[in-house]
């Protein structure tokens, strides 16, 4: 079940949320360093991580699920957010180059339909990035952050969901090694903890970030013709059975 959009906004405006924004955004930017001339869609509550691309990508859209609610974004300019049903995105086929899912996969009750829509709206060489809470991390165990709600995942579980939805996982990174506390000590030591965690303790990160590529298979339009030709080559009728011979050897 999705959190209310006001709760998400308030979290990311607080000290702990600003820390999350900084740590996760850095990893997202490492995977997608340059989106110049491309279209970017954020699904769920991805606006804290979309902002760096606004002056770079050709267009940036924030799609917020109806159960979550929607806010005007960005607050300082024309609105680029839209209220959607995550199972029926109001976009044309193959119209998006990059899709970023944050606070979406772990909360939706329409996972299969949402992933089908993600595949549909992405272009042939489109890329999907999913940010989900890590089942083994501390952040999934505390419900005072958005990562403590919904279904947490392991890397293998997210990869399985992606493959079942016709995506091929390409790269995996982790973030949020600092504990989910607002103490000044945690805030100051967070960058050092990130470096230590990425080197030694990736299994215990707060979030998993996986990039995947859309799988596109060639479809034969003359399939019926091929099947008809194959049937024509099959023998018709039942094979004749040998006639049993009498005891004297005559048929």
C-alpha atoms as a PDB file:
ATOM      1  CA  UNK A   1       0.000   0.000   0.000  1.00  0.00           C
ATOM      2  CA  UNK A   2       1.341   3.425  -0.960  1.00  0.00           C
ATOM      3  CA  UNK A   3       2.224   6.054   1.619  1.00  0.00           C
ATOM      4  CA  UNK A   4       0.495   9.406   1.367  1.00  0.00           C
ATOM      5  CA  UNK A   5       2.372  11.857  -0.840  1.00  0.00           C
ATOM      6  CA  UNK A   6       2.426  14.474   1.945  1.00  0.00           C
ATOM      7  CA  UNK A   7       4.209  12.029   4.267  1.00  0.00           C
ATOM      8  CA  UNK A   8       6.784  11.348   1.565  1.00  0.00           C
ATOM      9  CA  UNK A   9       7.334  15.055   0.922  1.00  0.00           C
ATOM     10  CA  UNK A  10       7.742  15.783   4.636  1.00  0.00           C
ATOM     11  CA  UNK A  11      10.222  12.929   5.055  1.00  0.00           C
ATOM     12  CA  UNK A  12      12.456  14.157   2.244  1.00  0.00           C
ATOM     13  CA  UNK A  13      12.346  17.708   3.619  1.00  0.00           C
ATOM     14  CA  UNK A  14      13.585  16.526   7.039  1.00  0.00           C
ATOM     15  CA  UNK A  15      17.215  15.917   8.070  1.00  0.00           C
ATOM     16  CA  UNK A  16      17.065  12.142   7.556  1.00  0.00           C
ATOM     17  CA  UNK A  17      15.327  12.548   4.215  1.00  0.00           C
ATOM     18  CA  UNK A  18      17.966  15.012   3.028  1.00  0.00           C
ATOM     19  CA  UNK A  19      20.602  12.421   3.906  1.00  0.00           C
ATOM     20  CA  UNK A  20      18.734   9.744   1.927  1.00  0.00           C
ATOM     21  CA  UNK A  21      18.307  12.097  -0.990  1.00  0.00           C
ATOM     22  CA  UNK A  22      22.039  12.812  -1.094  1.00  0.00           C
ATOM     23  CA  UNK A  23      23.247   9.216  -0.699  1.00  0.00           C
ATOM     24  CA  UNK A  24      20.780   7.577  -3.114  1.00  0.00           C
ATOM     25  CA  UNK A  25      21.000  10.372  -5.684  1.00  0.00           C
ATOM     26  CA  UNK A  26      24.755   9.899  -5.858  1.00  0.00           C
ATOM     27  CA  UNK A  27      24.344   6.218  -6.779  1.00  0.00           C
ATOM     28  CA  UNK A  28      21.583   6.941  -9.303  1.00  0.00           C
ATOM     29  CA  UNK A  29      23.803   9.532 -10.933  1.00  0.00           C
ATOM     30  CA  UNK A  30      26.660   7.037 -11.159  1.00  0.00           C
ATOM     31  CA  UNK A  31      24.463   4.657 -13.166  1.00  0.00           C
ATOM     32  CA  UNK A  32      22.939   7.385 -15.337  1.00  0.00           C
ATOM     33  CA  UNK A  33      25.601  10.117 -15.558  1.00  0.00           C
ATOM     34  CA  UNK A  34      24.206  11.805 -18.655  1.00  0.00           C
ATOM     35  CA  UNK A  35      20.654  11.791 -20.037  1.00  0.00           C
ATOM     36  CA  UNK A  36      21.068  14.681 -22.443  1.00  0.00           C
ATOM     37  CA  UNK A  37      18.426  14.574 -25.164  1.00  0.00           C
ATOM     38  CA  UNK A  38      16.515  11.683 -23.574  1.00  0.00           C
ATOM     39  CA  UNK A  39      13.095  11.454 -21.931  1.00  0.00           C
ATOM     40  CA  UNK A  40      12.887  10.447 -18.256  1.00  0.00           C
ATOM     41  CA  UNK A  41       9.839   9.202 -16.348  1.00  0.00           C
ATOM     42  CA  UNK A  42       9.752   8.844 -12.570  1.00  0.00           C
ATOM     43  CA  UNK A  43       7.119   6.437 -11.213  1.00  0.00           C
ATOM     44  CA  UNK A  44       6.103   6.358  -7.553  1.00  0.00           C
ATOM     45  CA  UNK A  45       7.730   9.181  -5.592  1.00  0.00           C
ATOM     46  CA  UNK A  46      10.905   9.753  -7.569  1.00  0.00           C
ATOM     47  CA  UNK A  47      11.026  13.565  -7.538  1.00  0.00           C
ATOM     48  CA  UNK A  48      13.971  13.824  -5.074  1.00  0.00           C
ATOM     49  CA  UNK A  49      16.085  12.000  -7.670  1.00  0.00           C
ATOM     50  CA  UNK A  50      14.653  13.551 -10.831  1.00  0.00           C
ATOM     51  CA  UNK A  51      15.694  17.124 -10.119  1.00  0.00           C
ATOM     52  CA  UNK A  52      19.358  16.827 -11.273  1.00  0.00           C
ATOM     53  CA  UNK A  53      18.140  15.784 -14.726  1.00  0.00           C
ATOM     54  CA  UNK A  54      15.686  18.643 -15.299  1.00  0.00           C
ATOM     55  CA  UNK A  55      18.162  20.894 -17.050  1.00  0.00           C
ATOM     56  CA  UNK A  56      19.720  18.003 -18.927  1.00  0.00           C
ATOM     57  CA  UNK A  57      17.088  15.554 -20.197  1.00  0.00           C
ATOM     58  CA  UNK A  58      14.790  16.486 -23.054  1.00  0.00           C
ATOM     59  CA  UNK A  59      11.785  16.071 -20.755  1.00  0.00           C
ATOM     60  CA  UNK A  60      11.253  14.874 -17.183  1.00  0.00           C
ATOM     61  CA  UNK A  61       7.857  13.631 -15.957  1.00  0.00           C
ATOM     62  CA  UNK A  62       6.866  12.574 -12.436  1.00  0.00           C
ATOM     63  CA  UNK A  63       4.041  10.006 -12.486  1.00  0.00           C
ATOM     64  CA  UNK A  64       2.481   9.537  -9.033  1.00  0.00           C
ATOM     65  CA  UNK A  65       0.061   6.655  -8.337  1.00  0.00           C
ATOM     66  CA  UNK A  66      -3.523   7.519  -7.428  1.00  0.00           C
ATOM     67  CA  UNK A  67      -3.368   5.688  -4.088  1.00  0.00           C
ATOM     68  CA  UNK A  68      -0.388   7.838  -3.122  1.00  0.00           C
ATOM     69  CA  UNK A  69      -1.640  11.188  -4.368  1.00  0.00           C
ATOM     70  CA  UNK A  70       0.086  13.866  -6.381  1.00  0.00           C
ATOM     71  CA  UNK A  71       1.785  17.197  -5.642  1.00  0.00           C
ATOM     72  CA  UNK A  72       2.706  20.036  -7.949  1.00  0.00           C
ATOM     73  CA  UNK A  73       6.319  19.498  -9.020  1.00  0.00           C
ATOM     74  CA  UNK A  74       8.642  21.264  -9.326  1.00  0.00           C
ATOM     75  CA  UNK A  75       7.292  23.880  -6.915  1.00  0.00           C
ATOM     76  CA  UNK A  76       9.219  26.721  -8.556  1.00  0.00           C
ATOM     77  CA  UNK A  77       8.071  26.179 -12.159  1.00  0.00           C
ATOM     78  CA  UNK A  78       5.439  24.749 -14.519  1.00  0.00           C
ATOM     79  CA  UNK A  79       3.943  21.471 -13.320  1.00  0.00           C
ATOM     80  CA  UNK A  80       5.623  18.281 -14.571  1.00  0.00           C
ATOM     81  CA  UNK A  81       3.766  15.781 -12.361  1.00  0.00           C
ATOM     82  CA  UNK A  82       0.689  13.733 -13.173  1.00  0.00           C
ATOM     83  CA  UNK A  83      -1.684  11.478 -11.219  1.00  0.00           C
ATOM     84  CA  UNK A  84      -1.787   7.986 -12.768  1.00  0.00           C
ATOM     85  CA  UNK A  85      -2.971   4.445 -12.332  1.00  0.00           C
ATOM     86  CA  UNK A  86       0.339   2.586 -12.276  1.00  0.00           C
ATOM     87  CA  UNK A  87      -1.308  -0.252 -14.227  1.00  0.00           C
ATOM     88  CA  UNK A  88      -2.460   2.092 -17.048  1.00  0.00           C
ATOM     89  CA  UNK A  89       0.106   4.780 -17.739  1.00  0.00           C
ATOM     90  CA  UNK A  90      -1.202   7.608 -19.977  1.00  0.00           C
ATOM     91  CA  UNK A  91       1.741   7.388 -22.370  1.00  0.00           C
ATOM     92  CA  UNK A  92       2.245   6.061 -25.881  1.00  0.00           C
ATOM     93  CA  UNK A  93       4.155   2.879 -26.623  1.00  0.00           C
ATOM     94  CA  UNK A  94       7.958   3.247 -26.684  1.00  0.00           C
ATOM     95  CA  UNK A  95       7.750   6.943 -25.751  1.00  0.00           C
ATOM     96  CA  UNK A  96      10.210   6.966 -22.818  1.00  0.00           C
ATOM     97  CA  UNK A  97      13.986   6.404 -22.833  1.00  0.00           C
ATOM     98  CA  UNK A  98      14.569   6.021 -19.072  1.00  0.00           C
ATOM     99  CA  UNK A  99      12.195   5.038 -16.266  1.00  0.00           C
ATOM    100  CA  UNK A 100      13.056   5.464 -12.572  1.00  0.00           C
ATOM    101  CA  UNK A 101      10.902   3.601 -10.000  1.00  0.00           C
ATOM    102  CA  UNK A 102      11.154   4.781  -6.385  1.00  0.00           C
ATOM    103  CA  UNK A 103       8.686   3.847  -3.615  1.00  0.00           C
ATOM    104  CA  UNK A 104       6.708   1.970  -6.262  1.00  0.00           C
ATOM    105  CA  UNK A 105       7.596  -1.715  -6.608  1.00  0.00           C
ATOM    106  CA  UNK A 106       7.439  -2.442  -2.866  1.00  0.00           C
ATOM    107  CA  UNK A 107       4.084  -0.674  -2.425  1.00  0.00           C
ATOM    108  CA  UNK A 108       1.956  -1.473  -5.458  1.00  0.00           C
ATOM    109  CA  UNK A 109      -0.808  -4.066  -5.368  1.00  0.00           C
ATOM    110  CA  UNK A 110      -0.621  -4.342  -9.185  1.00  0.00           C
ATOM    111  CA  UNK A 111       3.001  -5.383  -9.615  1.00  0.00           C
ATOM    112  CA  UNK A 112       2.631  -7.473 -12.762  1.00  0.00           C
ATOM    113  CA  UNK A 113       0.458  -4.869 -14.508  1.00  0.00           C
ATOM    114  CA  UNK A 114       2.778  -2.029 -13.496  1.00  0.00           C
ATOM    115  CA  UNK A 115       5.829  -3.851 -14.840  1.00  0.00           C
ATOM    116  CA  UNK A 116       3.969  -4.608 -18.072  1.00  0.00           C
ATOM    117  CA  UNK A 117       3.237  -0.899 -18.464  1.00  0.00           C
ATOM    118  CA  UNK A 118       6.858  -0.040 -17.755  1.00  0.00           C
ATOM    119  CA  UNK A 119       7.924  -2.402 -20.544  1.00  0.00           C
ATOM    120  CA  UNK A 120       5.323  -0.940 -22.918  1.00  0.00           C
ATOM    121  CA  UNK A 121       6.225   2.737 -22.531  1.00  0.00           C
ATOM    122  CA  UNK A 122      10.002   2.207 -22.742  1.00  0.00           C
ATOM    123  CA  UNK A 123      11.687   2.503 -26.116  1.00  0.00           C
ATOM    124  CA  UNK A 124      13.457  -0.427 -27.744  1.00  0.00           C
ATOM    125  CA  UNK A 125      16.779   0.397 -26.064  1.00  0.00           C
ATOM    126  CA  UNK A 126      15.119   1.814 -22.946  1.00  0.00           C
ATOM    127  CA  UNK A 127      16.465   1.360 -19.438  1.00  0.00           C
ATOM    128  CA  UNK A 128      14.631   0.885 -16.154  1.00  0.00           C
ATOM    129  CA  UNK A 129      16.074   1.655 -12.711  1.00  0.00           C
ATOM    130  CA  UNK A 130      14.383   0.298  -9.585  1.00  0.00           C
ATOM    131  CA  UNK A 131      15.101   1.520  -6.042  1.00  0.00           C
ATOM    132  CA  UNK A 132      13.718  -0.797  -3.334  1.00  0.00           C
ATOM    133  CA  UNK A 133      14.333  -1.402   0.386  1.00  0.00           C
ATOM    134  CA  UNK A 134      16.809  -4.170   1.109  1.00  0.00           C
ATOM    135  CA  UNK A 135      15.272  -7.047   3.083  1.00  0.00           C
ATOM    136  CA  UNK A 136      18.561  -7.562   4.960  1.00  0.00           C
ATOM    137  CA  UNK A 137      19.155  -3.904   5.779  1.00  0.00           C
ATOM    138  CA  UNK A 138      18.224  -1.839   8.839  1.00  0.00           C
ATOM    139  CA  UNK A 139      16.047   0.617   6.948  1.00  0.00           C
ATOM    140  CA  UNK A 140      13.410  -2.022   6.150  1.00  0.00           C
ATOM    141  CA  UNK A 141      12.956  -2.648   9.903  1.00  0.00           C
ATOM    142  CA  UNK A 142      11.953   0.877  10.955  1.00  0.00           C
ATOM    143  CA  UNK A 143       8.620   2.310   9.835  1.00  0.00           C
ATOM    144  CA  UNK A 144       9.503   5.958  10.534  1.00  0.00           C
ATOM    145  CA  UNK A 145      11.012   6.054   7.011  1.00  0.00           C
ATOM    146  CA  UNK A 146       9.301   5.189   3.699  1.00  0.00           C
ATOM    147  CA  UNK A 147      11.681   2.246   3.282  1.00  0.00           C
ATOM    148  CA  UNK A 148      10.086   0.529   6.288  1.00  0.00           C
ATOM    149  CA  UNK A 149       6.756   0.144   4.463  1.00  0.00           C
ATOM    150  CA  UNK A 150       5.703  -2.319   1.798  1.00  0.00           C
ATOM    151  CA  UNK A 151       7.563  -5.446   0.708  1.00  0.00           C
ATOM    152  CA  UNK A 152      11.369  -5.353   0.951  1.00  0.00           C
ATOM    153  CA  UNK A 153      13.450  -7.355  -1.523  1.00  0.00           C
ATOM    154  CA  UNK A 154      16.759  -9.132  -1.894  1.00  0.00           C
ATOM    155  CA  UNK A 155      18.819  -8.689  -5.050  1.00  0.00           C
ATOM    156  CA  UNK A 156      17.771 -12.106  -6.340  1.00  0.00           C
ATOM    157  CA  UNK A 157      14.086 -11.347  -5.735  1.00  0.00           C
ATOM    158  CA  UNK A 158      14.201  -8.048  -7.631  1.00  0.00           C
ATOM    159  CA  UNK A 159      16.133  -9.699 -10.459  1.00  0.00           C
ATOM    160  CA  UNK A 160      13.494 -12.419 -10.689  1.00  0.00           C
ATOM    161  CA  UNK A 161      10.701  -9.836 -10.930  1.00  0.00           C
ATOM    162  CA  UNK A 162      12.578  -8.006 -13.679  1.00  0.00           C
ATOM    163  CA  UNK A 163      13.230 -11.138 -15.724  1.00  0.00           C
ATOM    164  CA  UNK A 164       9.609 -12.245 -15.409  1.00  0.00           C
ATOM    165  CA  UNK A 165       8.640  -8.806 -16.754  1.00  0.00           C
ATOM    166  CA  UNK A 166      10.940  -9.077 -19.825  1.00  0.00           C
ATOM    167  CA  UNK A 167      13.817  -6.987 -18.453  1.00  0.00           C
ATOM    168  CA  UNK A 168      17.463  -8.014 -18.218  1.00  0.00           C
ATOM    169  CA  UNK A 169      19.269  -6.754 -15.083  1.00  0.00           C
ATOM    170  CA  UNK A 170      22.522  -5.075 -16.086  1.00  0.00           C
ATOM    171  CA  UNK A 171      23.984  -3.334 -13.017  1.00  0.00           C
ATOM    172  CA  UNK A 172      23.356  -3.429  -9.268  1.00  0.00           C
ATOM    173  CA  UNK A 173      24.511  -0.950  -6.617  1.00  0.00           C
ATOM    174  CA  UNK A 174      23.610  -0.326  -2.981  1.00  0.00           C
ATOM    175  CA  UNK A 175      23.156   2.717  -0.750  1.00  0.00           C
ATOM    176  CA  UNK A 176      22.270   3.792   2.820  1.00  0.00           C
ATOM    177  CA  UNK A 177      24.724   2.109   5.176  1.00  0.00           C
ATOM    178  CA  UNK A 178      24.213   4.629   7.974  1.00  0.00           C
ATOM    179  CA  UNK A 179      21.511   3.629  10.496  1.00  0.00           C
ATOM    180  CA  UNK A 180      18.145   5.395  10.072  1.00  0.00           C
ATOM    181  CA  UNK A 181      18.639   7.845  12.945  1.00  0.00           C
ATOM    182  CA  UNK A 182      18.622  11.627  12.946  1.00  0.00           C
ATOM    183  CA  UNK A 183      21.494  12.155  15.376  1.00  0.00           C
ATOM    184  CA  UNK A 184      24.145  14.666  14.391  1.00  0.00           C
ATOM    185  CA  UNK A 185      26.813  11.969  14.663  1.00  0.00           C
ATOM    186  CA  UNK A 186      25.037   9.748  12.104  1.00  0.00           C
ATOM    187  CA  UNK A 187      24.531  12.645   9.714  1.00  0.00           C
ATOM    188  CA  UNK A 188      28.195  13.672   9.885  1.00  0.00           C
ATOM    189  CA  UNK A 189      29.577  10.146   9.566  1.00  0.00           C
ATOM    190  CA  UNK A 190      27.213   9.041   6.750  1.00  0.00           C
ATOM    191  CA  UNK A 191      29.700   9.637   3.858  1.00  0.00           C
ATOM    192  CA  UNK A 192      32.395   7.587   5.603  1.00  0.00           C
ATOM    193  CA  UNK A 193      29.903   4.823   6.410  1.00  0.00           C
ATOM    194  CA  UNK A 194      28.863   4.732   2.743  1.00  0.00           C
ATOM    195  CA  UNK A 195      32.448   4.153   1.625  1.00  0.00           C
ATOM    196  CA  UNK A 196      33.029   1.435   4.227  1.00  0.00           C
ATOM    197  CA  UNK A 197      29.711  -0.258   3.458  1.00  0.00           C
ATOM    198  CA  UNK A 198      30.250  -0.308  -0.304  1.00  0.00           C
ATOM    199  CA  UNK A 199      33.590  -1.984   0.238  1.00  0.00           C
ATOM    200  CA  UNK A 200      32.731  -4.556   2.892  1.00  0.00           C
ATOM    201  CA  UNK A 201      29.019  -4.735   3.770  1.00  0.00           C
ATOM    202  CA  UNK A 202      26.925  -4.461   0.581  1.00  0.00           C
ATOM    203  CA  UNK A 203      24.492  -7.136   1.806  1.00  0.00           C
ATOM    204  CA  UNK A 204      23.362  -4.858   4.649  1.00  0.00           C
ATOM    205  CA  UNK A 205      22.699  -1.661   2.694  1.00  0.00           C
ATOM    206  CA  UNK A 206      19.395   0.105   3.238  1.00  0.00           C
ATOM    207  CA  UNK A 207      18.357   0.086  -0.402  1.00  0.00           C
ATOM    208  CA  UNK A 208      19.050  -1.899  -3.553  1.00  0.00           C
ATOM    209  CA  UNK A 209      19.333  -0.069  -6.871  1.00  0.00           C
ATOM    210  CA  UNK A 210      19.111  -2.196 -10.020  1.00  0.00           C
ATOM    211  CA  UNK A 211      19.295  -1.058 -13.624  1.00  0.00           C
ATOM    212  CA  UNK A 212      17.695  -3.272 -16.270  1.00  0.00           C
ATOM    213  CA  UNK A 213      17.365  -3.199 -20.048  1.00  0.00           C
ATOM    214  CA  UNK A 214      14.170  -3.851 -21.935  1.00  0.00           C
ATOM    215  CA  UNK A 215      14.135  -7.165 -23.783  1.00  0.00           C
ATOM    216  CA  UNK A 216      12.815  -6.971 -27.344  1.00  0.00           C
ATOM    217  CA  UNK A 217      12.336 -10.171 -29.329  1.00  0.00           C
ATOM    218  CA  UNK A 218      11.687 -10.461 -33.059  1.00  0.00           C
ATOM    219  CA  UNK A 219       8.164 -11.694 -33.800  1.00  0.00           C
ATOM    220  CA  UNK A 220       7.401 -13.551 -37.054  1.00  0.00           C
ATOM    221  CA  UNK A 221       4.347 -11.983 -38.661  1.00  0.00           C
ATOM    222  CA  UNK A 222       3.857 -14.969 -41.009  1.00  0.00           C
ATOM    223  CA  UNK A 223       3.526 -17.466 -38.159  1.00  0.00           C
ATOM    224  CA  UNK A 224       0.148 -18.767 -39.391  1.00  0.00           C
ATOM    225  CA  UNK A 225       1.578 -19.331 -42.863  1.00  0.00           C
ATOM    226  CA  UNK A 226       4.535 -21.246 -41.421  1.00  0.00           C
ATOM    227  CA  UNK A 227       2.249 -23.423 -39.311  1.00  0.00           C
ATOM    228  CA  UNK A 228      -0.012 -24.144 -42.301  1.00  0.00           C
ATOM    229  CA  UNK A 229       2.998 -25.225 -44.379  1.00  0.00           C
ATOM    230  CA  UNK A 230       4.196 -27.460 -41.547  1.00  0.00           C
ATOM    231  CA  UNK A 231       0.792 -29.132 -41.294  1.00  0.00           C
ATOM    232  CA  UNK A 232       0.777 -29.778 -45.050  1.00  0.00           C
ATOM    233  CA  UNK A 233       3.974 -31.788 -44.713  1.00  0.00           C
ATOM    234  CA  UNK A 234       2.486 -34.081 -42.069  1.00  0.00           C
ATOM    235  CA  UNK A 235       1.075 -37.448 -43.279  1.00  0.00           C
ATOM    236  CA  UNK A 236      -2.705 -37.424 -43.419  1.00  0.00           C
ATOM    237  CA  UNK A 237      -4.876 -40.258 -42.064  1.00  0.00           C
ATOM    238  CA  UNK A 238      -3.832 -43.219 -39.941  1.00  0.00           C
ATOM    239  CA  UNK A 239      -1.039 -45.529 -41.107  1.00  0.00           C
ATOM    240  CA  UNK A 240      -2.274 -48.856 -42.520  1.00  0.00           C
ATOM    241  CA  UNK A 241      -2.001 -51.814 -40.175  1.00  0.00           C
ATOM    242  CA  UNK A 242      -0.493 -55.098 -41.400  1.00  0.00           C
ATOM    243  CA  UNK A 243      -3.016 -57.922 -42.039  1.00  0.00           C
ATOM    244  CA  UNK A 244      -2.367 -60.858 -39.725  1.00  0.00           C
ATOM    245  CA  UNK A 245      -1.443 -64.106 -41.527  1.00  0.00           C
ATOM    246  CA  UNK A 246      -3.189 -67.469 -41.070  1.00  0.00           C
ATOM    247  CA  UNK A 247      -1.425 -70.449 -39.581  1.00  0.00           C
ATOM    248  CA  UNK A 248      -0.565 -71.721 -43.089  1.00  0.00           C
ATOM    249  CA  UNK A 249       1.145 -68.399 -43.924  1.00  0.00           C
ATOM    250  CA  UNK A 250      -1.597 -67.050 -46.231  1.00  0.00           C
ATOM    251  CA  UNK A 251      -3.010 -63.622 -45.593  1.00  0.00           C
END
